[in-house]
Structures are given as C-alpha cells and as structure tokens.
Amino acid sequence: MKASPTALPEVLLLEPRVFGDERGFFFESWNQGVFDRLLGQEVRFVQDNHSRSARGVLRGLHYQRTQPQGKLVRLTSGRVFDVAVDLRRSSPRFGQWSGVELDASDHRQLWIPPGFGHGFLVLSDSADVVYKVTGHQVPEDERAVAWNDPTLAIAWPLHRLDGPPTLSARDAAAPRLASADLFD
C-alpha cells in the first residue's frame, strides 16, 4: 500500500495494490501491520460504519469533540468529494482543509486522524461510503461545522450538481467555525 500526504500532512491518501485480470480483481483493503507502519504508530479501530447517499447529498463537517475518532474512509460504490478540516486550535494548520475525490473504481482510501472534521459530497448517482473509526459513536458528543463557512472556503465541486446540495437538518444548522466547540 502506498501512502501520500494531502494538503494536510496528517491526512493521508492510501492506494492499495490491486491485482486484476479478466475474472475481476483482488486487493487488501486493511492490514493492521501495514497501516501502523505507514502511520508510524499503532492505530486501533473499534467500529465499521456504512452509509449510502444519493447524488448531491452533502454530509458534514462532522466530528466528536471529547471522544474524537480517526477515520479510514473508502467507497464500495460511487464517487464523492471527501473533505477533512483541521479543527485543532493549537495546530499551525487550524481551519485549513484538504479535499480528495474518492471513487470506488480506484479503491483509494483516506485516513483522517482525530482532531479533524470530515464531510463528503456525492458526485455519482449514489455512493456507499464505508469507514473504520478509532472510537465508538457517541451521539451526545457529535458536533458539526457549517460546510459552507466562508472562513474555511472549501471548494466543493457544486458546479457538478444539478442544484444545491441536499443537507440534513443538523448539517444545515451547523455553526460556523468561529462559534463551534472545537479541539484545543
């Protein structure tokens, strides 16, 4: 597996070795030892999540404040624009973001460490997003930052949609970065 830093060095784009022929393909999507070597530390995942979303759905920017989660994100179908935002006030990259297009056909994955917000915009008819997390989901600890906060100025590829993105009520009401409950 090859790891490449994104615009945020802690956020990594992972590209597995894919073996294919006329029958189909095979690739190793997860290997504890390989992942730990790539990160230079041991990471323990405790839960796998799977979401399906229709074209134009924008989910995020989500995080858990007191029980943060690292996420290893991949697609099993479709295509998304996946975004990570550094929400650590002590970071020299606080408020900066990185966006990567993930497509199920290329099998790339995105590692988003704890302390970062995460969101994605579905670019295909639908998308199945599967992600491993380093902490359990704790609904009362879930937070969000407005996806369209002008301070963040995320370049979502909205021009590729037929209209505005579809948001949950929670995401539509998310606070801006300046008033969000963030990491130290």
Protein backbone atom coordinates (compact mmCIF):
# COMPACT_ATOMS: atom_id res chain seq x y z
CA MET A 1 0.00 0.00 0.00
CA LYS A 2 1.24 3.46 -0.89
CA ALA A 3 0.54 6.46 1.37
CA SER A 4 0.64 10.05 0.09
CA PRO A 5 0.12 13.16 2.20
CA THR A 6 -2.62 15.57 1.15
CA ALA A 7 -2.60 19.35 1.62
CA LEU A 8 -2.84 18.47 5.34
CA PRO A 9 0.19 16.23 6.03
CA GLU A 10 -1.59 14.17 8.71
CA VAL A 11 -4.42 13.31 6.29
CA LEU A 12 -3.19 10.51 4.02
CA LEU A 13 -4.40 9.17 0.71
CA LEU A 14 -3.85 5.41 0.68
CA GLU A 15 -3.57 3.45 -2.57
CA PRO A 16 -3.65 -0.34 -2.29
CA ARG A 17 -2.03 -2.70 -4.75
CA VAL A 18 -4.84 -4.07 -6.89
CA PHE A 19 -4.40 -7.38 -8.71
CA GLY A 20 -6.81 -7.82 -11.59
CA ASP A 21 -7.47 -9.95 -14.63
CA GLU A 22 -10.44 -10.98 -16.78
CA ARG A 23 -12.10 -12.57 -13.71
CA GLY A 24 -12.12 -9.38 -11.66
CA PHE A 25 -9.77 -8.02 -9.00
CA PHE A 26 -8.34 -8.58 -5.53
CA PHE A 27 -6.85 -6.11 -3.11
CA GLU A 28 -6.12 -6.00 0.58
CA SER A 29 -8.26 -3.15 1.97
CA TRP A 30 -6.96 -3.41 5.53
CA ASN A 31 -3.88 -4.80 7.23
CA GLN A 32 -3.09 -3.72 10.79
CA GLY A 33 0.69 -4.07 10.48
CA VAL A 34 0.93 -2.23 7.16
CA PHE A 35 -1.30 0.60 8.38
CA ASP A 36 0.66 1.03 11.61
CA ARG A 37 3.94 1.15 9.65
CA LEU A 38 2.53 3.77 7.26
CA LEU A 39 1.40 5.97 10.16
CA GLY A 40 4.41 5.28 12.36
CA GLN A 41 2.11 4.44 15.26
CA GLU A 42 -0.38 1.82 16.32
CA VAL A 43 -3.98 2.63 15.46
CA ARG A 44 -6.87 0.56 16.81
CA PHE A 45 -10.22 0.57 15.04
CA VAL A 46 -13.30 -0.28 17.10
CA GLN A 47 -16.22 0.11 14.69
CA ASP A 48 -17.06 -0.09 10.98
CA ASN A 49 -19.74 2.21 9.53
CA HIS A 50 -21.51 2.18 6.17
CA SER A 51 -23.62 4.96 4.67
CA ARG A 52 -25.43 5.18 1.35
CA SER A 53 -26.28 8.58 -0.07
CA ALA A 54 -27.89 9.86 -3.26
CA ARG A 55 -26.35 12.28 -5.75
CA GLY A 56 -25.98 15.77 -4.33
CA VAL A 57 -26.08 14.74 -0.67
CA LEU A 58 -23.52 16.61 1.41
CA ARG A 59 -22.71 15.12 4.80
CA GLY A 60 -20.57 17.06 7.25
CA LEU A 61 -18.46 18.53 8.51
CA HIS A 62 -18.70 16.05 11.42
CA TYR A 63 -16.53 15.20 14.43
CA GLN A 64 -16.77 14.11 18.05
CA ARG A 65 -15.37 16.70 20.46
CA THR A 66 -14.41 14.88 23.69
CA GLN A 67 -14.14 11.38 22.24
CA PRO A 68 -12.57 12.10 18.83
CA GLN A 69 -12.40 9.49 16.11
CA GLY A 70 -9.83 8.75 13.46
CA LYS A 71 -11.48 7.54 10.25
CA LEU A 72 -10.31 5.34 7.40
CA VAL A 73 -12.73 6.10 4.54
CA ARG A 74 -13.31 4.15 1.33
CA LEU A 75 -16.07 3.69 -1.21
CA THR A 76 -17.65 0.40 -2.24
CA SER A 77 -19.74 2.14 -4.93
CA GLY A 78 -19.91 5.59 -6.47
CA ARG A 79 -17.80 8.73 -6.29
CA VAL A 80 -17.53 11.51 -3.69
CA PHE A 81 -15.55 14.64 -2.98
CA ASP A 82 -14.19 13.90 0.50
CA VAL A 83 -13.01 16.69 2.81
CA ALA A 84 -11.01 16.85 6.03
CA VAL A 85 -10.65 20.09 8.05
CA ASP A 86 -8.08 20.66 10.79
CA LEU A 87 -10.14 21.67 13.86
CA ARG A 88 -7.27 21.72 16.37
CA ARG A 89 -6.85 25.32 17.60
CA SER A 90 -3.22 24.54 18.56
CA SER A 91 -2.34 23.37 15.05
CA PRO A 92 -0.43 25.61 12.63
CA ARG A 93 -2.93 24.41 10.01
CA PHE A 94 -6.04 25.20 12.07
CA GLY A 95 -9.01 25.88 9.77
CA GLN A 96 -7.25 24.52 6.67
CA TRP A 97 -8.87 21.80 4.59
CA SER A 98 -7.96 19.11 2.12
CA GLY A 99 -10.32 17.67 -0.48
CA VAL A 100 -9.85 14.47 -2.46
CA GLU A 101 -12.11 12.76 -4.97
CA LEU A 102 -12.64 9.14 -3.99
CA ASP A 103 -14.05 6.67 -6.49
CA ALA A 104 -14.94 3.05 -5.76
CA SER A 105 -13.28 2.01 -9.02
CA ASP A 106 -9.77 3.10 -7.94
CA HIS A 107 -10.02 1.68 -4.38
CA ARG A 108 -8.20 4.62 -2.79
CA GLN A 109 -8.82 5.34 0.89
CA LEU A 110 -8.46 8.44 3.04
CA TRP A 111 -7.05 8.44 6.58
CA ILE A 112 -8.46 11.30 8.67
CA PRO A 113 -6.90 11.41 12.15
CA PRO A 114 -8.65 12.51 15.35
CA GLY A 115 -8.94 16.29 15.62
CA PHE A 116 -10.24 16.75 12.08
CA GLY A 117 -13.75 17.36 10.79
CA HIS A 118 -14.97 15.16 7.95
CA GLY A 119 -17.53 15.58 5.21
CA PHE A 120 -18.29 14.48 1.68
CA LEU A 121 -20.38 15.42 -1.34
CA VAL A 122 -21.82 12.64 -3.52
CA LEU A 123 -20.95 13.15 -7.21
CA SER A 124 -22.37 9.90 -8.65
CA ASP A 125 -25.99 8.70 -8.74
CA SER A 126 -25.38 7.21 -5.30
CA ALA A 127 -22.39 6.28 -3.16
CA ASP A 128 -21.69 3.71 -0.48
CA VAL A 129 -19.12 5.04 1.98
CA VAL A 130 -17.54 2.55 4.37
CA TYR A 131 -15.30 3.77 7.15
CA LYS A 132 -13.45 2.36 10.10
CA VAL A 133 -13.30 4.53 13.24
CA THR A 134 -10.94 4.56 16.21
CA GLY A 135 -13.66 5.46 18.71
CA HIS A 136 -17.23 4.39 19.21
CA GLN A 137 -20.04 6.64 18.04
CA VAL A 138 -21.28 8.77 20.94
CA PRO A 139 -24.37 10.72 19.77
CA GLU A 140 -24.23 13.29 22.58
CA ASP A 141 -20.61 14.07 21.66
CA GLU A 142 -21.27 14.62 17.94
CA ARG A 143 -20.52 18.08 16.59
CA ALA A 144 -20.54 19.76 13.20
CA VAL A 145 -19.15 22.85 11.49
CA ALA A 146 -21.00 24.55 8.66
CA TRP A 147 -19.99 23.02 5.34
CA ASN A 148 -20.16 26.44 3.65
CA ASP A 149 -18.38 28.53 6.28
CA PRO A 150 -16.69 31.36 4.35
CA THR A 151 -13.73 31.23 6.74
CA LEU A 152 -12.98 27.69 5.59
CA ALA A 153 -13.74 28.49 1.93
CA ILE A 154 -13.95 24.83 0.92
CA ALA A 155 -14.05 24.50 -2.87
CA TRP A 156 -16.89 21.96 -3.02
CA PRO A 157 -17.47 20.97 -6.67
CA LEU A 158 -21.10 22.16 -6.58
CA HIS A 159 -20.91 23.01 -10.30
CA ARG A 160 -21.08 19.25 -10.94
CA LEU A 161 -24.57 19.03 -9.42
CA ASP A 162 -27.94 19.90 -10.91
CA GLY A 163 -28.85 22.14 -7.97
CA PRO A 164 -27.93 22.91 -4.37
CA PRO A 165 -26.65 20.09 -2.16
CA THR A 166 -29.07 18.07 -0.03
CA LEU A 167 -28.37 18.51 3.70
CA SER A 168 -29.72 17.03 6.91
CA ALA A 169 -31.43 19.48 9.26
CA ARG A 170 -28.47 19.14 11.63
CA ASP A 171 -25.92 19.95 8.92
CA ALA A 172 -27.99 22.90 7.66
CA ALA A 173 -27.98 24.36 11.19
CA ALA A 174 -24.31 23.65 11.98
CA PRO A 175 -22.41 26.59 13.50
CA ARG A 176 -19.58 28.38 11.78
CA LEU A 177 -16.00 27.66 12.78
CA ALA A 178 -15.78 30.78 14.99
CA SER A 179 -18.57 29.59 17.29
CA ALA A 180 -18.10 25.82 17.11
CA ASP A 181 -17.00 23.64 20.04
CA LEU A 182 -13.53 22.67 18.74
CA PHE A 183 -10.37 20.92 19.88
CA ASP A 184 -7.64 22.74 21.85
